[in-house]
Amino acid sequence: MGATKTRPWDIVDSLNSEARIAAYLEAALEDGDATLVAAALGDIARAKGMSGIARRAGLGRESLYKALSPGGNPEFATVLKVIRALGMELVPRPAAKRTPRRKARRAA
């Protein structure tokens, strides 16, 4: 038997529909980690074409790569521009209520 050929997995390959893109961004937003949201936006922009997204957002391609890179810290205005350039919008809705965990009672 021949050796199995593998290639690195990249989320960008899975972001091939508007529904998948929206679900991916929604999951990142629900997590609440700003770094994760920026990374998700970067993944989505790469899937849709970074140059075109940068142009539609009115940003330079290199500055967009830098802002959405793992060490980047984009301004909120940049995040909004990128979301609009992706053809998406942020829609506020009430947060789901979470039930508090009960503490286990100890047997006496």
N, C-alpha and C. Protein backbone atom coordinates (compact mmCIF):
# COMPACT_ATOMS: atom_id res chain seq x y z
N MET A 1 0.83 -1.19 0.00
CA MET A 1 0.00 0.00 0.00
C MET A 1 0.87 1.25 0.00
N GLY A 2 0.36 2.27 -0.66
CA GLY A 2 1.08 3.54 -0.71
C GLY A 2 0.80 4.37 0.53
N ALA A 3 1.63 5.33 0.73
CA ALA A 3 1.46 6.22 1.88
C ALA A 3 0.23 7.10 1.67
N THR A 4 -0.47 7.35 2.74
CA THR A 4 -1.63 8.22 2.69
C THR A 4 -1.16 9.66 2.61
N LYS A 5 -1.70 10.39 1.66
CA LYS A 5 -1.34 11.80 1.52
C LYS A 5 -2.35 12.62 2.32
N THR A 6 -1.84 13.55 3.08
CA THR A 6 -2.69 14.43 3.86
C THR A 6 -2.34 15.87 3.54
N ARG A 7 -3.24 16.74 3.91
CA ARG A 7 -2.97 18.17 3.79
C ARG A 7 -3.56 18.85 5.01
N PRO A 8 -3.01 19.96 5.41
CA PRO A 8 -3.54 20.65 6.59
C PRO A 8 -4.99 21.05 6.38
N TRP A 9 -5.80 20.94 7.43
CA TRP A 9 -7.19 21.33 7.37
C TRP A 9 -7.28 22.84 7.57
N ASP A 10 -8.13 23.48 6.80
CA ASP A 10 -8.32 24.92 6.91
C ASP A 10 -9.83 25.18 6.90
N ILE A 11 -10.31 25.89 7.90
CA ILE A 11 -11.74 26.20 8.02
C ILE A 11 -12.26 26.90 6.77
N VAL A 12 -11.40 27.63 6.10
CA VAL A 12 -11.81 28.38 4.90
C VAL A 12 -12.46 27.45 3.87
N ASP A 13 -11.96 26.22 3.78
CA ASP A 13 -12.54 25.26 2.83
C ASP A 13 -13.99 24.92 3.16
N SER A 14 -14.38 25.08 4.42
CA SER A 14 -15.74 24.75 4.85
C SER A 14 -16.70 25.94 4.77
N LEU A 15 -16.16 27.12 4.59
CA LEU A 15 -17.00 28.32 4.56
C LEU A 15 -17.44 28.59 3.13
N ASN A 16 -18.26 27.67 2.61
CA ASN A 16 -18.64 27.73 1.21
C ASN A 16 -20.11 28.07 0.97
N SER A 17 -20.80 28.56 1.99
CA SER A 17 -22.17 29.03 1.80
C SER A 17 -22.45 30.14 2.81
N GLU A 18 -23.42 30.97 2.48
CA GLU A 18 -23.77 32.07 3.39
C GLU A 18 -24.25 31.53 4.73
N ALA A 19 -24.97 30.41 4.71
CA ALA A 19 -25.47 29.83 5.96
C ALA A 19 -24.31 29.36 6.85
N ARG A 20 -23.31 28.73 6.27
CA ARG A 20 -22.15 28.27 7.05
C ARG A 20 -21.35 29.45 7.59
N ILE A 21 -21.21 30.47 6.77
CA ILE A 21 -20.48 31.66 7.19
C ILE A 21 -21.20 32.33 8.35
N ALA A 22 -22.50 32.48 8.24
CA ALA A 22 -23.29 33.11 9.31
C ALA A 22 -23.21 32.29 10.59
N ALA A 23 -23.32 30.98 10.48
CA ALA A 23 -23.25 30.11 11.67
C ALA A 23 -21.88 30.20 12.34
N TYR A 24 -20.83 30.26 11.54
CA TYR A 24 -19.47 30.35 12.06
C TYR A 24 -19.27 31.67 12.81
N LEU A 25 -19.71 32.77 12.22
CA LEU A 25 -19.56 34.07 12.87
C LEU A 25 -20.44 34.14 14.12
N GLU A 26 -21.65 33.60 14.05
CA GLU A 26 -22.53 33.59 15.21
C GLU A 26 -21.90 32.82 16.37
N ALA A 27 -21.31 31.68 16.09
CA ALA A 27 -20.65 30.89 17.14
C ALA A 27 -19.49 31.68 17.77
N ALA A 28 -18.73 32.38 16.95
CA ALA A 28 -17.62 33.17 17.47
C ALA A 28 -18.14 34.31 18.35
N LEU A 29 -19.21 34.97 17.92
CA LEU A 29 -19.79 36.05 18.71
C LEU A 29 -20.36 35.54 20.02
N GLU A 30 -21.01 34.38 19.99
CA GLU A 30 -21.58 33.81 21.21
C GLU A 30 -20.50 33.47 22.24
N ASP A 31 -19.32 33.11 21.76
CA ASP A 31 -18.22 32.79 22.66
C ASP A 31 -17.80 34.01 23.47
N GLY A 32 -17.90 35.19 22.85
CA GLY A 32 -17.61 36.43 23.55
C GLY A 32 -16.15 36.82 23.61
N ASP A 33 -15.28 36.10 22.92
CA ASP A 33 -13.85 36.39 22.92
C ASP A 33 -13.54 37.25 21.69
N ALA A 34 -13.11 38.48 21.92
CA ALA A 34 -12.84 39.41 20.81
C ALA A 34 -11.78 38.88 19.86
N THR A 35 -10.79 38.18 20.38
CA THR A 35 -9.74 37.62 19.53
C THR A 35 -10.31 36.56 18.60
N LEU A 36 -11.21 35.75 19.13
CA LEU A 36 -11.85 34.71 18.33
C LEU A 36 -12.73 35.33 17.24
N VAL A 37 -13.45 36.38 17.57
CA VAL A 37 -14.29 37.06 16.57
C VAL A 37 -13.43 37.62 15.45
N ALA A 38 -12.33 38.27 15.80
CA ALA A 38 -11.43 38.82 14.77
C ALA A 38 -10.87 37.71 13.89
N ALA A 39 -10.49 36.59 14.51
CA ALA A 39 -9.96 35.47 13.73
C ALA A 39 -11.03 34.89 12.81
N ALA A 40 -12.26 34.79 13.29
CA ALA A 40 -13.36 34.28 12.46
C ALA A 40 -13.61 35.21 11.28
N LEU A 41 -13.58 36.52 11.53
CA LEU A 41 -13.75 37.48 10.43
C LEU A 41 -12.61 37.33 9.41
N GLY A 42 -11.41 37.09 9.90
CA GLY A 42 -10.28 36.87 9.00
C GLY A 42 -10.46 35.62 8.16
N ASP A 43 -10.94 34.54 8.78
CA ASP A 43 -11.21 33.31 8.04
C ASP A 43 -12.27 33.53 6.97
N ILE A 44 -13.33 34.24 7.34
CA ILE A 44 -14.42 34.50 6.39
C ILE A 44 -13.92 35.38 5.24
N ALA A 45 -13.14 36.40 5.58
CA ALA A 45 -12.60 37.29 4.54
C ALA A 45 -11.69 36.51 3.59
N ARG A 46 -10.89 35.58 4.13
CA ARG A 46 -10.05 34.76 3.25
C ARG A 46 -10.90 33.88 2.35
N ALA A 47 -12.00 33.34 2.90
CA ALA A 47 -12.88 32.48 2.11
C ALA A 47 -13.54 33.26 0.98
N LYS A 48 -13.87 34.52 1.23
CA LYS A 48 -14.56 35.33 0.23
C LYS A 48 -13.61 36.13 -0.65
N GLY A 49 -12.34 36.16 -0.27
CA GLY A 49 -11.35 36.93 -1.04
C GLY A 49 -10.95 38.18 -0.30
N MET A 50 -9.81 38.13 0.33
CA MET A 50 -9.35 39.22 1.19
C MET A 50 -9.23 40.55 0.44
N SER A 51 -8.73 40.53 -0.78
CA SER A 51 -8.55 41.78 -1.54
C SER A 51 -9.88 42.48 -1.78
N GLY A 52 -10.88 41.71 -2.20
CA GLY A 52 -12.20 42.30 -2.46
C GLY A 52 -12.86 42.82 -1.19
N ILE A 53 -12.71 42.09 -0.10
CA ILE A 53 -13.29 42.54 1.17
C ILE A 53 -12.60 43.81 1.62
N ALA A 54 -11.28 43.85 1.51
CA ALA A 54 -10.54 45.06 1.89
C ALA A 54 -10.99 46.26 1.07
N ARG A 55 -11.14 46.06 -0.23
CA ARG A 55 -11.58 47.15 -1.11
C ARG A 55 -12.97 47.64 -0.72
N ARG A 56 -13.91 46.71 -0.52
CA ARG A 56 -15.28 47.10 -0.15
C ARG A 56 -15.35 47.76 1.23
N ALA A 57 -14.43 47.37 2.11
CA ALA A 57 -14.39 47.96 3.46
C ALA A 57 -13.64 49.29 3.48
N GLY A 58 -12.97 49.62 2.37
CA GLY A 58 -12.20 50.86 2.33
C GLY A 58 -10.90 50.76 3.12
N LEU A 59 -10.34 49.55 3.16
CA LEU A 59 -9.12 49.32 3.92
C LEU A 59 -8.05 48.73 3.00
N GLY A 60 -6.81 48.89 3.36
CA GLY A 60 -5.73 48.25 2.62
C GLY A 60 -5.69 46.76 2.93
N ARG A 61 -5.35 45.97 1.94
CA ARG A 61 -5.33 44.51 2.13
C ARG A 61 -4.37 44.11 3.24
N GLU A 62 -3.17 44.67 3.22
CA GLU A 62 -2.17 44.33 4.25
C GLU A 62 -2.64 44.74 5.64
N SER A 63 -3.25 45.91 5.75
CA SER A 63 -3.71 46.35 7.07
C SER A 63 -4.87 45.47 7.55
N LEU A 64 -5.69 44.99 6.61
CA LEU A 64 -6.77 44.10 7.00
C LEU A 64 -6.23 42.76 7.47
N TYR A 65 -5.26 42.21 6.73
CA TYR A 65 -4.60 40.97 7.17
C TYR A 65 -4.04 41.14 8.59
N LYS A 66 -3.37 42.26 8.81
CA LYS A 66 -2.76 42.51 10.12
C LYS A 66 -3.81 42.64 11.21
N ALA A 67 -4.89 43.38 10.94
CA ALA A 67 -5.93 43.59 11.95
C ALA A 67 -6.63 42.29 12.33
N LEU A 68 -6.80 41.39 11.35
CA LEU A 68 -7.54 40.16 11.59
C LEU A 68 -6.63 38.96 11.84
N SER A 69 -5.34 39.21 12.01
CA SER A 69 -4.39 38.14 12.29
C SER A 69 -4.50 37.74 13.76
N PRO A 70 -3.93 36.60 14.13
CA PRO A 70 -4.02 36.15 15.53
C PRO A 70 -3.55 37.18 16.55
N GLY A 71 -2.54 37.97 16.24
CA GLY A 71 -2.07 38.98 17.18
C GLY A 71 -2.72 40.34 16.99
N GLY A 72 -3.58 40.45 15.98
CA GLY A 72 -4.22 41.73 15.67
C GLY A 72 -5.26 42.12 16.70
N ASN A 73 -5.54 43.40 16.75
CA ASN A 73 -6.55 43.92 17.67
C ASN A 73 -7.31 45.02 16.93
N PRO A 74 -8.23 44.62 16.03
CA PRO A 74 -8.91 45.62 15.20
C PRO A 74 -9.81 46.54 16.02
N GLU A 75 -9.89 47.77 15.56
CA GLU A 75 -10.83 48.70 16.18
C GLU A 75 -12.25 48.24 15.83
N PHE A 76 -13.20 48.64 16.66
CA PHE A 76 -14.58 48.24 16.42
C PHE A 76 -15.08 48.77 15.08
N ALA A 77 -14.64 49.97 14.70
CA ALA A 77 -15.03 50.53 13.40
C ALA A 77 -14.57 49.63 12.27
N THR A 78 -13.38 49.04 12.40
CA THR A 78 -12.87 48.13 11.39
C THR A 78 -13.72 46.87 11.33
N VAL A 79 -14.07 46.35 12.48
CA VAL A 79 -14.92 45.16 12.54
C VAL A 79 -16.24 45.42 11.83
N LEU A 80 -16.86 46.58 12.10
CA LEU A 80 -18.13 46.91 11.45
C LEU A 80 -17.97 47.04 9.93
N LYS A 81 -16.89 47.66 9.49
CA LYS A 81 -16.64 47.80 8.05
C LYS A 81 -16.50 46.43 7.39
N VAL A 82 -15.77 45.54 8.05
CA VAL A 82 -15.56 44.20 7.49
C VAL A 82 -16.88 43.43 7.44
N ILE A 83 -17.65 43.51 8.49
CA ILE A 83 -18.94 42.82 8.51
C ILE A 83 -19.83 43.31 7.36
N ARG A 84 -19.88 44.61 7.16
CA ARG A 84 -20.67 45.16 6.04
C ARG A 84 -20.10 44.71 4.70
N ALA A 85 -18.78 44.73 4.57
CA ALA A 85 -18.14 44.32 3.32
C ALA A 85 -18.40 42.84 3.02
N LEU A 86 -18.61 42.05 4.05
CA LEU A 86 -18.92 40.63 3.88
C LEU A 86 -20.39 40.41 3.51
N GLY A 87 -21.16 41.51 3.49
CA GLY A 87 -22.58 41.39 3.17
C GLY A 87 -23.38 40.87 4.35
N MET A 88 -22.89 41.13 5.56
CA MET A 88 -23.56 40.66 6.77
C MET A 88 -23.93 41.86 7.62
N GLU A 89 -24.68 41.60 8.66
CA GLU A 89 -25.03 42.65 9.61
C GLU A 89 -25.08 42.05 11.01
N LEU A 90 -24.83 42.91 11.98
CA LEU A 90 -24.99 42.49 13.38
C LEU A 90 -26.42 42.78 13.77
N VAL A 91 -27.07 41.79 14.33
CA VAL A 91 -28.46 41.96 14.72
C VAL A 91 -28.57 41.68 16.21
N PRO A 92 -28.86 42.72 17.00
CA PRO A 92 -28.98 42.48 18.44
C PRO A 92 -30.25 41.72 18.78
N ARG A 93 -30.13 40.84 19.75
CA ARG A 93 -31.28 40.12 20.27
C ARG A 93 -31.01 39.84 21.73
N PRO A 94 -32.07 39.68 22.50
CA PRO A 94 -31.86 39.40 23.92
C PRO A 94 -31.06 38.10 24.09
N ALA A 95 -30.16 38.13 25.05
CA ALA A 95 -29.36 36.94 25.33
C ALA A 95 -30.26 35.86 25.94
N ALA A 96 -29.94 34.63 25.61
CA ALA A 96 -30.68 33.52 26.19
C ALA A 96 -30.39 33.48 27.68
N LYS A 97 -31.43 33.27 28.45
CA LYS A 97 -31.22 33.17 29.90
C LYS A 97 -30.59 31.83 30.22
N ARG A 98 -29.61 31.90 31.05
CA ARG A 98 -28.92 30.69 31.47
C ARG A 98 -29.36 30.35 32.88
N THR A 99 -29.63 29.11 33.08
CA THR A 99 -30.03 28.69 34.42
C THR A 99 -28.78 28.47 35.26
N PRO A 100 -28.79 29.02 36.46
CA PRO A 100 -27.61 28.84 37.31
C PRO A 100 -27.47 27.39 37.73
N ARG A 101 -26.24 26.98 37.86
CA ARG A 101 -25.99 25.61 38.31
C ARG A 101 -26.28 25.51 39.80
N ARG A 102 -26.90 24.42 40.16
CA ARG A 102 -27.16 24.18 41.57
C ARG A 102 -25.95 23.52 42.20
N LYS A 103 -25.68 23.92 43.41
CA LYS A 103 -24.59 23.28 44.13
C LYS A 103 -25.10 21.96 44.68
N ALA A 104 -24.27 20.98 44.59
CA ALA A 104 -24.66 19.66 45.10
C ALA A 104 -24.72 19.72 46.63
N ARG A 105 -25.77 19.15 47.16
CA ARG A 105 -25.90 19.12 48.62
C ARG A 105 -25.13 17.91 49.15
N ARG A 106 -24.47 18.17 50.24
CA ARG A 106 -23.72 17.08 50.87
C ARG A 106 -24.65 16.31 51.81
N ALA A 107 -24.46 15.03 51.80
CA ALA A 107 -25.24 14.20 52.71
C ALA A 107 -24.71 14.40 54.14
N ALA A 108 -25.64 14.54 55.07
CA ALA A 108 -25.23 14.79 56.46
C ALA A 108 -24.90 13.53 57.20
